[in-house]
C-alpha cells in the first residue's frame, strides 16, 4: 500500500477522470485534483461542503453541496445551481453517480448524523439533465456510494445502515424499477438509536467502485477495510487500513484502471476532523480493472 497524498481534513467521493484523480475534501470545502505524483490542485471551493462528483455529457462537473442540499454545476469557469433537492432530503445530501446521459442519482443521510439523531429511512433522489429533481426510491437505509453498470441499465446503491447493496433497473426515462438485493453482506440491524444501530452493524458499505468482473470494491467503514464483493455478498478480497485509520470511500482508476484509491481518516465526525489534517489518500494495485460509472 502506498500513500499518494497526506494533509486532508476528510477526503471523499474519489473519481478518475481525464488522467487524474478528483476528490472532495469535506471540511476544507474544496474539490481537488491529484496527479500520479501526489500533487494536489484546488478546482473549486464549495462553501456548503462538497461530496459526490460526476460529469455531464458536455464535460461540466456536477458537485453535491451537502449542507444546503444542492447540486452545483461547474463549467470550468463559473458555478451555477443545477438543482435544489432540499425538499426530498431528510439530512445532508451525500454521494452521487451521474449516468452518461447526464442523469444524477444522489443519496442523503435521512437524519442529522452530526447531531447523533436517531437514524431514519431516506430517499434516493434523481436529477434529470435539465435539473428537474424527483424521488427515485424511498425507504433506503442511508443510501451512499453507487455505481452504474457499463451497459447503463443497472444502478447499484450501497445502503450503509442496511449492510447491503441494492440494485435497480434503469428505464429509458431514468426511473428505477425491479428493486432487488444485489449483495446482503451482513444482517441488517434493527434501526433504533444511532448508538444502538451502529453497535449492531457489522458491515457498513460507503464509497465504492465497480470492476470489469462485475464485482464491487467497497469501503467498509465499520471494519476499517476495503473489500471486493461478488454479486450476492461474498467477500473475495480484503485490504485492511493502517492502524489508526478508517476508510470511507474507494475508486478504481489510473491509465489501466487497476489502481484502487482509498480515502482514509481516523474518523468521520466534523468536530474532530475539521480542525485536523490527518486524512490521507492511499493506493493499492489490484488485478481487475475498473468498469462502469463513476
C-alpha atoms as a PDB file:
ATOM      1  CA  UNK A   1       0.000   0.000   0.000  1.00  0.00           C
ATOM      2  CA  UNK A   2       1.299   3.458  -0.945  1.00  0.00           C
ATOM      3  CA  UNK A   3       0.414   6.947   0.319  1.00  0.00           C
ATOM      4  CA  UNK A   4      -0.499   9.291  -2.530  1.00  0.00           C
ATOM      5  CA  UNK A   5      -1.438  12.393  -0.522  1.00  0.00           C
ATOM      6  CA  UNK A   6      -1.497  13.488   3.111  1.00  0.00           C
ATOM      7  CA  UNK A   7      -2.881  16.543   4.885  1.00  0.00           C
ATOM      8  CA  UNK A   8      -6.565  16.346   4.082  1.00  0.00           C
ATOM      9  CA  UNK A   9      -9.357  17.047   6.547  1.00  0.00           C
ATOM     10  CA  UNK A  10     -11.744  14.356   5.209  1.00  0.00           C
ATOM     11  CA  UNK A  11     -11.421  13.025   1.685  1.00  0.00           C
ATOM     12  CA  UNK A  12     -14.483  11.548  -0.028  1.00  0.00           C
ATOM     13  CA  UNK A  13     -16.041  10.718  -3.405  1.00  0.00           C
ATOM     14  CA  UNK A  14     -12.847   9.879  -5.348  1.00  0.00           C
ATOM     15  CA  UNK A  15     -13.103   9.736  -9.129  1.00  0.00           C
ATOM     16  CA  UNK A  16     -10.701   9.018 -12.017  1.00  0.00           C
ATOM     17  CA  UNK A  17     -11.296  11.468 -14.869  1.00  0.00           C
ATOM     18  CA  UNK A  18      -9.152  12.957 -17.651  1.00  0.00           C
ATOM     19  CA  UNK A  19      -5.996  11.231 -16.485  1.00  0.00           C
ATOM     20  CA  UNK A  20      -6.046  12.310 -12.835  1.00  0.00           C
ATOM     21  CA  UNK A  21      -7.822  11.771  -9.557  1.00  0.00           C
ATOM     22  CA  UNK A  22     -10.611  14.073  -8.429  1.00  0.00           C
ATOM     23  CA  UNK A  23     -11.712  14.138  -4.789  1.00  0.00           C
ATOM     24  CA  UNK A  24     -13.814  16.188  -2.389  1.00  0.00           C
ATOM     25  CA  UNK A  25     -12.441  17.315   0.964  1.00  0.00           C
ATOM     26  CA  UNK A  26     -15.497  17.843   3.181  1.00  0.00           C
ATOM     27  CA  UNK A  27     -14.053  20.036   5.880  1.00  0.00           C
ATOM     28  CA  UNK A  28     -11.647  22.099   3.791  1.00  0.00           C
ATOM     29  CA  UNK A  29     -14.650  22.754   1.500  1.00  0.00           C
ATOM     30  CA  UNK A  30     -12.648  22.010  -1.641  1.00  0.00           C
ATOM     31  CA  UNK A  31     -12.807  19.881  -4.745  1.00  0.00           C
ATOM     32  CA  UNK A  32      -9.278  18.845  -5.699  1.00  0.00           C
ATOM     33  CA  UNK A  33      -7.405  17.057  -8.430  1.00  0.00           C
ATOM     34  CA  UNK A  34      -4.383  14.912  -7.596  1.00  0.00           C
ATOM     35  CA  UNK A  35      -1.823  13.723 -10.117  1.00  0.00           C
ATOM     36  CA  UNK A  36       0.207  10.497 -10.083  1.00  0.00           C
ATOM     37  CA  UNK A  37       2.963  12.201  -8.065  1.00  0.00           C
ATOM     38  CA  UNK A  38       0.588  13.310  -5.324  1.00  0.00           C
ATOM     39  CA  UNK A  39       0.435  16.966  -6.322  1.00  0.00           C
ATOM     40  CA  UNK A  40      -2.938  18.480  -5.439  1.00  0.00           C
ATOM     41  CA  UNK A  41      -4.651  21.371  -7.161  1.00  0.00           C
ATOM     42  CA  UNK A  42      -7.805  23.110  -5.991  1.00  0.00           C
ATOM     43  CA  UNK A  43     -10.553  23.106  -8.614  1.00  0.00           C
ATOM     44  CA  UNK A  44     -13.243  24.998  -6.718  1.00  0.00           C
ATOM     45  CA  UNK A  45     -14.443  25.892  -3.256  1.00  0.00           C
ATOM     46  CA  UNK A  46     -17.840  24.638  -2.083  1.00  0.00           C
ATOM     47  CA  UNK A  47     -18.975  26.555   0.984  1.00  0.00           C
ATOM     48  CA  UNK A  48     -21.838  24.090   1.573  1.00  0.00           C
ATOM     49  CA  UNK A  49     -19.377  21.158   1.829  1.00  0.00           C
ATOM     50  CA  UNK A  50     -18.645  19.078  -1.303  1.00  0.00           C
ATOM     51  CA  UNK A  51     -19.341  15.378  -1.688  1.00  0.00           C
ATOM     52  CA  UNK A  52     -20.403  13.373  -4.772  1.00  0.00           C
ATOM     53  CA  UNK A  53     -18.869  14.240  -8.153  1.00  0.00           C
ATOM     54  CA  UNK A  54     -19.859  13.410 -11.728  1.00  0.00           C
ATOM     55  CA  UNK A  55     -19.689  14.768 -15.268  1.00  0.00           C
ATOM     56  CA  UNK A  56     -22.338  15.876 -17.722  1.00  0.00           C
ATOM     57  CA  UNK A  57     -22.143  14.992 -21.439  1.00  0.00           C
ATOM     58  CA  UNK A  58     -20.761  18.466 -22.214  1.00  0.00           C
ATOM     59  CA  UNK A  59     -17.879  17.939 -19.764  1.00  0.00           C
ATOM     60  CA  UNK A  60     -19.183  20.181 -16.995  1.00  0.00           C
ATOM     61  CA  UNK A  61     -18.776  18.900 -13.448  1.00  0.00           C
ATOM     62  CA  UNK A  62     -21.667  18.248 -11.067  1.00  0.00           C
ATOM     63  CA  UNK A  63     -20.817  18.606  -7.366  1.00  0.00           C
ATOM     64  CA  UNK A  64     -23.006  17.808  -4.374  1.00  0.00           C
ATOM     65  CA  UNK A  65     -23.224  20.684  -1.907  1.00  0.00           C
ATOM     66  CA  UNK A  66     -24.128  18.753   1.222  1.00  0.00           C
ATOM     67  CA  UNK A  67     -25.356  21.237   3.770  1.00  0.00           C
ATOM     68  CA  UNK A  68     -27.652  23.271   1.539  1.00  0.00           C
ATOM     69  CA  UNK A  69     -28.888  20.140  -0.301  1.00  0.00           C
ATOM     70  CA  UNK A  70     -27.990  21.400  -3.759  1.00  0.00           C
ATOM     71  CA  UNK A  71     -26.170  20.048  -6.791  1.00  0.00           C
ATOM     72  CA  UNK A  72     -23.836  22.598  -8.355  1.00  0.00           C
ATOM     73  CA  UNK A  73     -22.552  22.697 -11.928  1.00  0.00           C
ATOM     74  CA  UNK A  74     -19.065  23.935 -12.799  1.00  0.00           C
ATOM     75  CA  UNK A  75     -18.260  24.600 -16.461  1.00  0.00           C
ATOM     76  CA  UNK A  76     -14.562  25.214 -15.905  1.00  0.00           C
ATOM     77  CA  UNK A  77     -15.083  28.905 -15.221  1.00  0.00           C
ATOM     78  CA  UNK A  78     -18.238  29.557 -13.228  1.00  0.00           C
ATOM     79  CA  UNK A  79     -20.529  27.699 -10.824  1.00  0.00           C
ATOM     80  CA  UNK A  80     -24.316  27.589 -11.124  1.00  0.00           C
ATOM     81  CA  UNK A  81     -27.039  25.742  -9.221  1.00  0.00           C
ATOM     82  CA  UNK A  82     -28.039  22.695 -11.258  1.00  0.00           C
ATOM     83  CA  UNK A  83     -30.718  21.502  -8.801  1.00  0.00           C
ATOM     84  CA  UNK A  84     -32.054  22.271  -5.335  1.00  0.00           C
ATOM     85  CA  UNK A  85     -33.225  18.965  -3.817  1.00  0.00           C
ATOM     86  CA  UNK A  86     -33.791  20.068  -0.211  1.00  0.00           C
ATOM     87  CA  UNK A  87     -37.473  19.097  -0.255  1.00  0.00           C
ATOM     88  CA  UNK A  88     -36.504  15.449  -0.805  1.00  0.00           C
ATOM     89  CA  UNK A  89     -33.781  15.254   1.865  1.00  0.00           C
ATOM     90  CA  UNK A  90     -34.002  14.186   5.492  1.00  0.00           C
ATOM     91  CA  UNK A  91     -30.337  15.021   6.128  1.00  0.00           C
ATOM     92  CA  UNK A  92     -27.210  16.148   4.334  1.00  0.00           C
ATOM     93  CA  UNK A  93     -27.081  15.380   0.618  1.00  0.00           C
ATOM     94  CA  UNK A  94     -24.202  12.957   0.065  1.00  0.00           C
ATOM     95  CA  UNK A  95     -22.688  10.738  -2.608  1.00  0.00           C
ATOM     96  CA  UNK A  96     -23.848  10.729  -6.230  1.00  0.00           C
ATOM     97  CA  UNK A  97     -23.368   8.903  -9.515  1.00  0.00           C
ATOM     98  CA  UNK A  98     -24.026  10.566 -12.879  1.00  0.00           C
ATOM     99  CA  UNK A  99     -25.016   8.495 -15.921  1.00  0.00           C
ATOM    100  CA  UNK A 100     -23.534   9.023 -19.370  1.00  0.00           C
ATOM    101  CA  UNK A 101     -26.631  10.951 -20.449  1.00  0.00           C
ATOM    102  CA  UNK A 102     -26.289  13.355 -17.506  1.00  0.00           C
ATOM    103  CA  UNK A 103     -28.877  11.938 -15.126  1.00  0.00           C
ATOM    104  CA  UNK A 104     -27.755  12.034 -11.474  1.00  0.00           C
ATOM    105  CA  UNK A 105     -28.727   9.742  -8.596  1.00  0.00           C
ATOM    106  CA  UNK A 106     -27.880  11.065  -5.133  1.00  0.00           C
ATOM    107  CA  UNK A 107     -28.347   9.751  -1.624  1.00  0.00           C
ATOM    108  CA  UNK A 108     -28.767  11.639   1.621  1.00  0.00           C
ATOM    109  CA  UNK A 109     -28.316  10.827   5.288  1.00  0.00           C
ATOM    110  CA  UNK A 110     -32.026  10.786   6.098  1.00  0.00           C
ATOM    111  CA  UNK A 111     -31.381  12.270   9.557  1.00  0.00           C
ATOM    112  CA  UNK A 112     -28.997  14.655  11.342  1.00  0.00           C
ATOM    113  CA  UNK A 113     -25.978  12.371  11.655  1.00  0.00           C
ATOM    114  CA  UNK A 114     -23.645  15.054  13.014  1.00  0.00           C
ATOM    115  CA  UNK A 115     -26.074  15.754  15.876  1.00  0.00           C
ATOM    116  CA  UNK A 116     -26.277  11.999  16.635  1.00  0.00           C
ATOM    117  CA  UNK A 117     -30.011  11.902  15.863  1.00  0.00           C
ATOM    118  CA  UNK A 118     -31.862   8.599  15.559  1.00  0.00           C
ATOM    119  CA  UNK A 119     -31.487   7.032  12.092  1.00  0.00           C
ATOM    120  CA  UNK A 120     -34.398   7.250   9.663  1.00  0.00           C
ATOM    121  CA  UNK A 121     -35.021   5.945   6.130  1.00  0.00           C
ATOM    122  CA  UNK A 122     -34.027   8.240   3.270  1.00  0.00           C
ATOM    123  CA  UNK A 123     -34.901   8.918  -0.352  1.00  0.00           C
ATOM    124  CA  UNK A 124     -32.684   8.233  -3.312  1.00  0.00           C
ATOM    125  CA  UNK A 125     -33.005  11.338  -5.469  1.00  0.00           C
ATOM    126  CA  UNK A 126     -32.951  11.521  -9.254  1.00  0.00           C
ATOM    127  CA  UNK A 127     -31.970  14.705 -11.061  1.00  0.00           C
ATOM    128  CA  UNK A 128     -32.595  14.821 -14.800  1.00  0.00           C
ATOM    129  CA  UNK A 129     -30.233  16.651 -17.181  1.00  0.00           C
ATOM    130  CA  UNK A 130     -32.432  19.766 -17.107  1.00  0.00           C
ATOM    131  CA  UNK A 131     -32.139  19.936 -13.297  1.00  0.00           C
ATOM    132  CA  UNK A 132     -35.603  18.556 -12.517  1.00  0.00           C
ATOM    133  CA  UNK A 133     -35.479  16.607  -9.238  1.00  0.00           C
ATOM    134  CA  UNK A 134     -37.689  13.750  -8.081  1.00  0.00           C
ATOM    135  CA  UNK A 135     -37.655  10.809  -5.680  1.00  0.00           C
ATOM    136  CA  UNK A 136     -36.275   7.726  -7.439  1.00  0.00           C
ATOM    137  CA  UNK A 137     -36.673   5.322  -4.482  1.00  0.00           C
ATOM    138  CA  UNK A 138     -37.923   5.530  -0.907  1.00  0.00           C
ATOM    139  CA  UNK A 139     -37.120   3.788   2.371  1.00  0.00           C
ATOM    140  CA  UNK A 140     -33.392   3.461   1.754  1.00  0.00           C
ATOM    141  CA  UNK A 141     -31.200   2.857   4.803  1.00  0.00           C
ATOM    142  CA  UNK A 142     -28.572   5.588   4.356  1.00  0.00           C
ATOM    143  CA  UNK A 143     -28.113   5.398   0.551  1.00  0.00           C
ATOM    144  CA  UNK A 144     -24.446   6.010  -0.109  1.00  0.00           C
ATOM    145  CA  UNK A 145     -21.848   5.023  -2.724  1.00  0.00           C
ATOM    146  CA  UNK A 146     -23.410   3.974  -6.036  1.00  0.00           C
ATOM    147  CA  UNK A 147     -22.322   2.537  -9.389  1.00  0.00           C
ATOM    148  CA  UNK A 148     -23.868   2.165 -12.839  1.00  0.00           C
ATOM    149  CA  UNK A 149     -23.002  -0.908 -14.904  1.00  0.00           C
ATOM    150  CA  UNK A 150     -21.218  -0.438 -18.273  1.00  0.00           C
ATOM    151  CA  UNK A 151     -24.403  -1.016 -20.280  1.00  0.00           C
ATOM    152  CA  UNK A 152     -26.087   1.833 -18.376  1.00  0.00           C
ATOM    153  CA  UNK A 153     -29.027  -0.356 -17.415  1.00  0.00           C
ATOM    154  CA  UNK A 154     -28.384  -1.145 -13.735  1.00  0.00           C
ATOM    155  CA  UNK A 155     -27.857   1.137 -10.733  1.00  0.00           C
ATOM    156  CA  UNK A 156     -26.381  -0.447  -7.601  1.00  0.00           C
ATOM    157  CA  UNK A 157     -26.617   1.549  -4.362  1.00  0.00           C
ATOM    158  CA  UNK A 158     -24.868   0.874  -1.063  1.00  0.00           C
ATOM    159  CA  UNK A 159     -27.181   1.112   1.952  1.00  0.00           C
ATOM    160  CA  UNK A 160     -24.776   1.770   4.807  1.00  0.00           C
ATOM    161  CA  UNK A 161     -27.257   1.075   7.602  1.00  0.00           C
ATOM    162  CA  UNK A 162     -28.650  -1.936   5.728  1.00  0.00           C
ATOM    163  CA  UNK A 163     -25.284  -3.728   5.363  1.00  0.00           C
ATOM    164  CA  UNK A 164     -26.162  -4.355   1.724  1.00  0.00           C
ATOM    165  CA  UNK A 165     -26.124  -3.260  -1.891  1.00  0.00           C
ATOM    166  CA  UNK A 166     -29.471  -2.770  -3.621  1.00  0.00           C
ATOM    167  CA  UNK A 167     -29.861  -2.873  -7.409  1.00  0.00           C
ATOM    168  CA  UNK A 168     -32.404  -1.225  -9.706  1.00  0.00           C
ATOM    169  CA  UNK A 169     -33.101  -1.463 -13.416  1.00  0.00           C
ATOM    170  CA  UNK A 170     -32.796   1.963 -15.063  1.00  0.00           C
ATOM    171  CA  UNK A 171     -35.634   2.643 -17.502  1.00  0.00           C
ATOM    172  CA  UNK A 172     -35.223   4.778 -20.599  1.00  0.00           C
ATOM    173  CA  UNK A 173     -36.680   7.803 -18.807  1.00  0.00           C
ATOM    174  CA  UNK A 174     -34.354   7.359 -15.822  1.00  0.00           C
ATOM    175  CA  UNK A 175     -36.951   5.891 -13.483  1.00  0.00           C
ATOM    176  CA  UNK A 176     -35.931   2.892 -11.381  1.00  0.00           C
ATOM    177  CA  UNK A 177     -37.706  -0.478 -11.368  1.00  0.00           C
ATOM    178  CA  UNK A 178     -37.134  -4.072 -10.241  1.00  0.00           C
ATOM    179  CA  UNK A 179     -35.683  -3.221  -6.836  1.00  0.00           C
ATOM    180  CA  UNK A 180     -33.658  -6.172  -5.557  1.00  0.00           C
ATOM    181  CA  UNK A 181     -30.817  -7.058  -3.202  1.00  0.00           C
ATOM    182  CA  UNK A 182     -27.532  -7.279  -5.103  1.00  0.00           C
ATOM    183  CA  UNK A 183     -25.471  -8.259  -2.043  1.00  0.00           C
ATOM    184  CA  UNK A 184     -26.554  -8.768   1.573  1.00  0.00           C
ATOM    185  CA  UNK A 185     -23.124  -8.787   3.180  1.00  0.00           C
ATOM    186  CA  UNK A 186     -24.279  -8.971   6.803  1.00  0.00           C
ATOM    187  CA  UNK A 187     -27.550  -8.862   8.705  1.00  0.00           C
ATOM    188  CA  UNK A 188     -29.487  -5.606   8.554  1.00  0.00           C
ATOM    189  CA  UNK A 189     -29.590  -4.316  12.134  1.00  0.00           C
ATOM    190  CA  UNK A 190     -32.703  -3.201  13.948  1.00  0.00           C
ATOM    191  CA  UNK A 191     -32.893   0.569  13.474  1.00  0.00           C
ATOM    192  CA  UNK A 192     -33.278   2.258  16.872  1.00  0.00           C
ATOM    193  CA  UNK A 193     -30.939   4.915  18.283  1.00  0.00           C
ATOM    194  CA  UNK A 194     -27.764   5.784  16.405  1.00  0.00           C
ATOM    195  CA  UNK A 195     -25.544   4.276  19.099  1.00  0.00           C
ATOM    196  CA  UNK A 196     -27.539   1.043  19.224  1.00  0.00           C
ATOM    197  CA  UNK A 197     -27.807   0.771  15.442  1.00  0.00           C
ATOM    198  CA  UNK A 198     -24.082   1.261  14.922  1.00  0.00           C
ATOM    199  CA  UNK A 199     -23.400  -1.245  17.676  1.00  0.00           C
ATOM    200  CA  UNK A 200     -25.379  -3.888  15.772  1.00  0.00           C
ATOM    201  CA  UNK A 201     -23.970  -3.052  12.337  1.00  0.00           C
ATOM    202  CA  UNK A 202     -21.198  -5.455  11.302  1.00  0.00           C
ATOM    203  CA  UNK A 203     -20.678  -4.212   7.734  1.00  0.00           C
ATOM    204  CA  UNK A 204     -21.022  -0.595   6.628  1.00  0.00           C
ATOM    205  CA  UNK A 205     -20.699  -0.009   2.871  1.00  0.00           C
ATOM    206  CA  UNK A 206     -19.590   3.526   1.986  1.00  0.00           C
ATOM    207  CA  UNK A 207     -17.973   4.802  -1.219  1.00  0.00           C
ATOM    208  CA  UNK A 208     -17.407   2.149  -3.893  1.00  0.00           C
ATOM    209  CA  UNK A 209     -16.344   1.283  -7.425  1.00  0.00           C
ATOM    210  CA  UNK A 210     -17.215  -1.414  -9.969  1.00  0.00           C
ATOM    211  CA  UNK A 211     -14.721  -3.641 -11.783  1.00  0.00           C
ATOM    212  CA  UNK A 212     -14.761  -5.493 -15.103  1.00  0.00           C
ATOM    213  CA  UNK A 213     -15.843  -8.771 -13.463  1.00  0.00           C
ATOM    214  CA  UNK A 214     -18.953  -7.050 -12.051  1.00  0.00           C
ATOM    215  CA  UNK A 215     -17.539  -7.121  -8.531  1.00  0.00           C
ATOM    216  CA  UNK A 216     -17.698  -4.062  -6.271  1.00  0.00           C
ATOM    217  CA  UNK A 217     -14.824  -2.679  -4.245  1.00  0.00           C
ATOM    218  CA  UNK A 218     -16.484  -1.274  -1.123  1.00  0.00           C
ATOM    219  CA  UNK A 219     -15.142   0.858   1.704  1.00  0.00           C
ATOM    220  CA  UNK A 220     -16.343  -0.906   4.870  1.00  0.00           C
ATOM    221  CA  UNK A 221     -16.151   1.867   7.435  1.00  0.00           C
ATOM    222  CA  UNK A 222     -17.305  -0.391  10.257  1.00  0.00           C
ATOM    223  CA  UNK A 223     -14.244  -2.639   9.951  1.00  0.00           C
ATOM    224  CA  UNK A 224     -11.606  -0.236   8.582  1.00  0.00           C
ATOM    225  CA  UNK A 225     -11.090  -2.174   5.367  1.00  0.00           C
ATOM    226  CA  UNK A 226     -11.816  -2.195   1.659  1.00  0.00           C
ATOM    227  CA  UNK A 227     -13.392  -5.391   0.405  1.00  0.00           C
ATOM    228  CA  UNK A 228     -14.105  -6.783  -3.045  1.00  0.00           C
ATOM    229  CA  UNK A 229     -17.631  -8.172  -3.188  1.00  0.00           C
ATOM    230  CA  UNK A 230     -19.026 -10.719  -5.595  1.00  0.00           C
ATOM    231  CA  UNK A 231     -22.724 -10.459  -6.533  1.00  0.00           C
ATOM    232  CA  UNK A 232     -24.607 -11.984  -3.614  1.00  0.00           C
ATOM    233  CA  UNK A 233     -22.229 -10.594  -1.000  1.00  0.00           C
ATOM    234  CA  UNK A 234     -19.253 -12.955  -0.744  1.00  0.00           C
ATOM    235  CA  UNK A 235     -16.037 -11.132   0.197  1.00  0.00           C
ATOM    236  CA  UNK A 236     -13.311 -12.345  -2.174  1.00  0.00           C
ATOM    237  CA  UNK A 237     -10.527  -9.854  -1.336  1.00  0.00           C
ATOM    238  CA  UNK A 238      -9.783  -7.589   1.612  1.00  0.00           C
ATOM    239  CA  UNK A 239      -7.402  -4.671   2.236  1.00  0.00           C
ATOM    240  CA  UNK A 240      -7.066  -3.570   5.864  1.00  0.00           C
ATOM    241  CA  UNK A 241      -6.232   0.010   6.752  1.00  0.00           C
ATOM    242  CA  UNK A 242      -3.093   1.007   8.689  1.00  0.00           C
ATOM    243  CA  UNK A 243      -3.537   1.290  12.448  1.00  0.00           C
ATOM    244  CA  UNK A 244      -5.454   4.386  13.483  1.00  0.00           C
ATOM    245  CA  UNK A 245      -7.231   4.878  10.156  1.00  0.00           C
ATOM    246  CA  UNK A 246     -10.691   4.015   8.882  1.00  0.00           C
ATOM    247  CA  UNK A 247     -11.713   4.068   5.211  1.00  0.00           C
ATOM    248  CA  UNK A 248     -14.730   5.897   3.828  1.00  0.00           C
ATOM    249  CA  UNK A 249     -14.523   5.660   0.041  1.00  0.00           C
ATOM    250  CA  UNK A 250     -12.618   3.949  -2.736  1.00  0.00           C
ATOM    251  CA  UNK A 251     -12.414   4.034  -6.534  1.00  0.00           C
ATOM    252  CA  UNK A 252     -10.577   2.258  -9.319  1.00  0.00           C
ATOM    253  CA  UNK A 253      -8.573   4.336 -11.766  1.00  0.00           C
ATOM    254  CA  UNK A 254      -5.190   5.088 -13.333  1.00  0.00           C
ATOM    255  CA  UNK A 255      -4.382   4.600 -17.015  1.00  0.00           C
ATOM    256  CA  UNK A 256      -5.031   0.845 -16.809  1.00  0.00           C
ATOM    257  CA  UNK A 257      -7.886   1.066 -14.272  1.00  0.00           C
ATOM    258  CA  UNK A 258      -6.055  -1.159 -11.795  1.00  0.00           C
ATOM    259  CA  UNK A 259      -5.171   1.311  -9.054  1.00  0.00           C
ATOM    260  CA  UNK A 260      -7.538   1.330  -6.096  1.00  0.00           C
ATOM    261  CA  UNK A 261      -7.593   4.749  -4.429  1.00  0.00           C
ATOM    262  CA  UNK A 262      -8.811   4.747  -0.810  1.00  0.00           C
ATOM    263  CA  UNK A 263      -9.904   7.745   1.279  1.00  0.00           C
ATOM    264  CA  UNK A 264      -8.810   7.186   4.873  1.00  0.00           C
ATOM    265  CA  UNK A 265      -9.047   9.183   8.107  1.00  0.00           C
ATOM    266  CA  UNK A 266      -9.199   8.438  11.852  1.00  0.00           C
ATOM    267  CA  UNK A 267     -12.978   9.114  11.933  1.00  0.00           C
ATOM    268  CA  UNK A 268     -15.708  10.982  10.045  1.00  0.00           C
ATOM    269  CA  UNK A 269     -17.142  13.492  12.509  1.00  0.00           C
ATOM    270  CA  UNK A 270     -16.822  17.164  11.687  1.00  0.00           C
ATOM    271  CA  UNK A 271     -15.977  18.213  15.235  1.00  0.00           C
ATOM    272  CA  UNK A 272     -12.803  16.132  15.207  1.00  0.00           C
ATOM    273  CA  UNK A 273     -11.860  16.323  11.516  1.00  0.00           C
ATOM    274  CA  UNK A 274     -12.331  19.979  10.563  1.00  0.00           C
ATOM    275  CA  UNK A 275      -9.532  21.231  12.828  1.00  0.00           C
ATOM    276  CA  UNK A 276      -7.109  18.438  11.934  1.00  0.00           C
ATOM    277  CA  UNK A 277      -5.469  17.461   8.668  1.00  0.00           C
ATOM    278  CA  UNK A 278      -4.942  13.728   9.181  1.00  0.00           C
ATOM    279  CA  UNK A 279      -6.843  12.369   6.173  1.00  0.00           C
ATOM    280  CA  UNK A 280      -4.825  10.521   3.531  1.00  0.00           C
ATOM    281  CA  UNK A 281      -5.236   9.047   0.059  1.00  0.00           C
ATOM    282  CA  UNK A 282      -3.858   5.511  -0.144  1.00  0.00           C
ATOM    283  CA  UNK A 283      -3.354   3.352  -3.236  1.00  0.00           C
ATOM    284  CA  UNK A 284      -3.102  -0.366  -3.895  1.00  0.00           C
ATOM    285  CA  UNK A 285      -2.672  -2.163  -7.201  1.00  0.00           C
ATOM    286  CA  UNK A 286      -5.355  -4.752  -7.983  1.00  0.00           C
ATOM    287  CA  UNK A 287      -5.818  -7.403 -10.648  1.00  0.00           C
ATOM    288  CA  UNK A 288      -9.135  -6.494 -12.315  1.00  0.00           C
ATOM    289  CA  UNK A 289      -9.641  -3.058 -13.944  1.00  0.00           C
ATOM    290  CA  UNK A 290     -12.489  -0.629 -13.414  1.00  0.00           C
ATOM    291  CA  UNK A 291     -15.761  -0.645 -15.308  1.00  0.00           C
ATOM    292  CA  UNK A 292     -18.941   1.398 -15.480  1.00  0.00           C
ATOM    293  CA  UNK A 293     -19.509   4.608 -13.516  1.00  0.00           C
ATOM    294  CA  UNK A 294     -18.474   6.631 -11.666  1.00  0.00           C
END
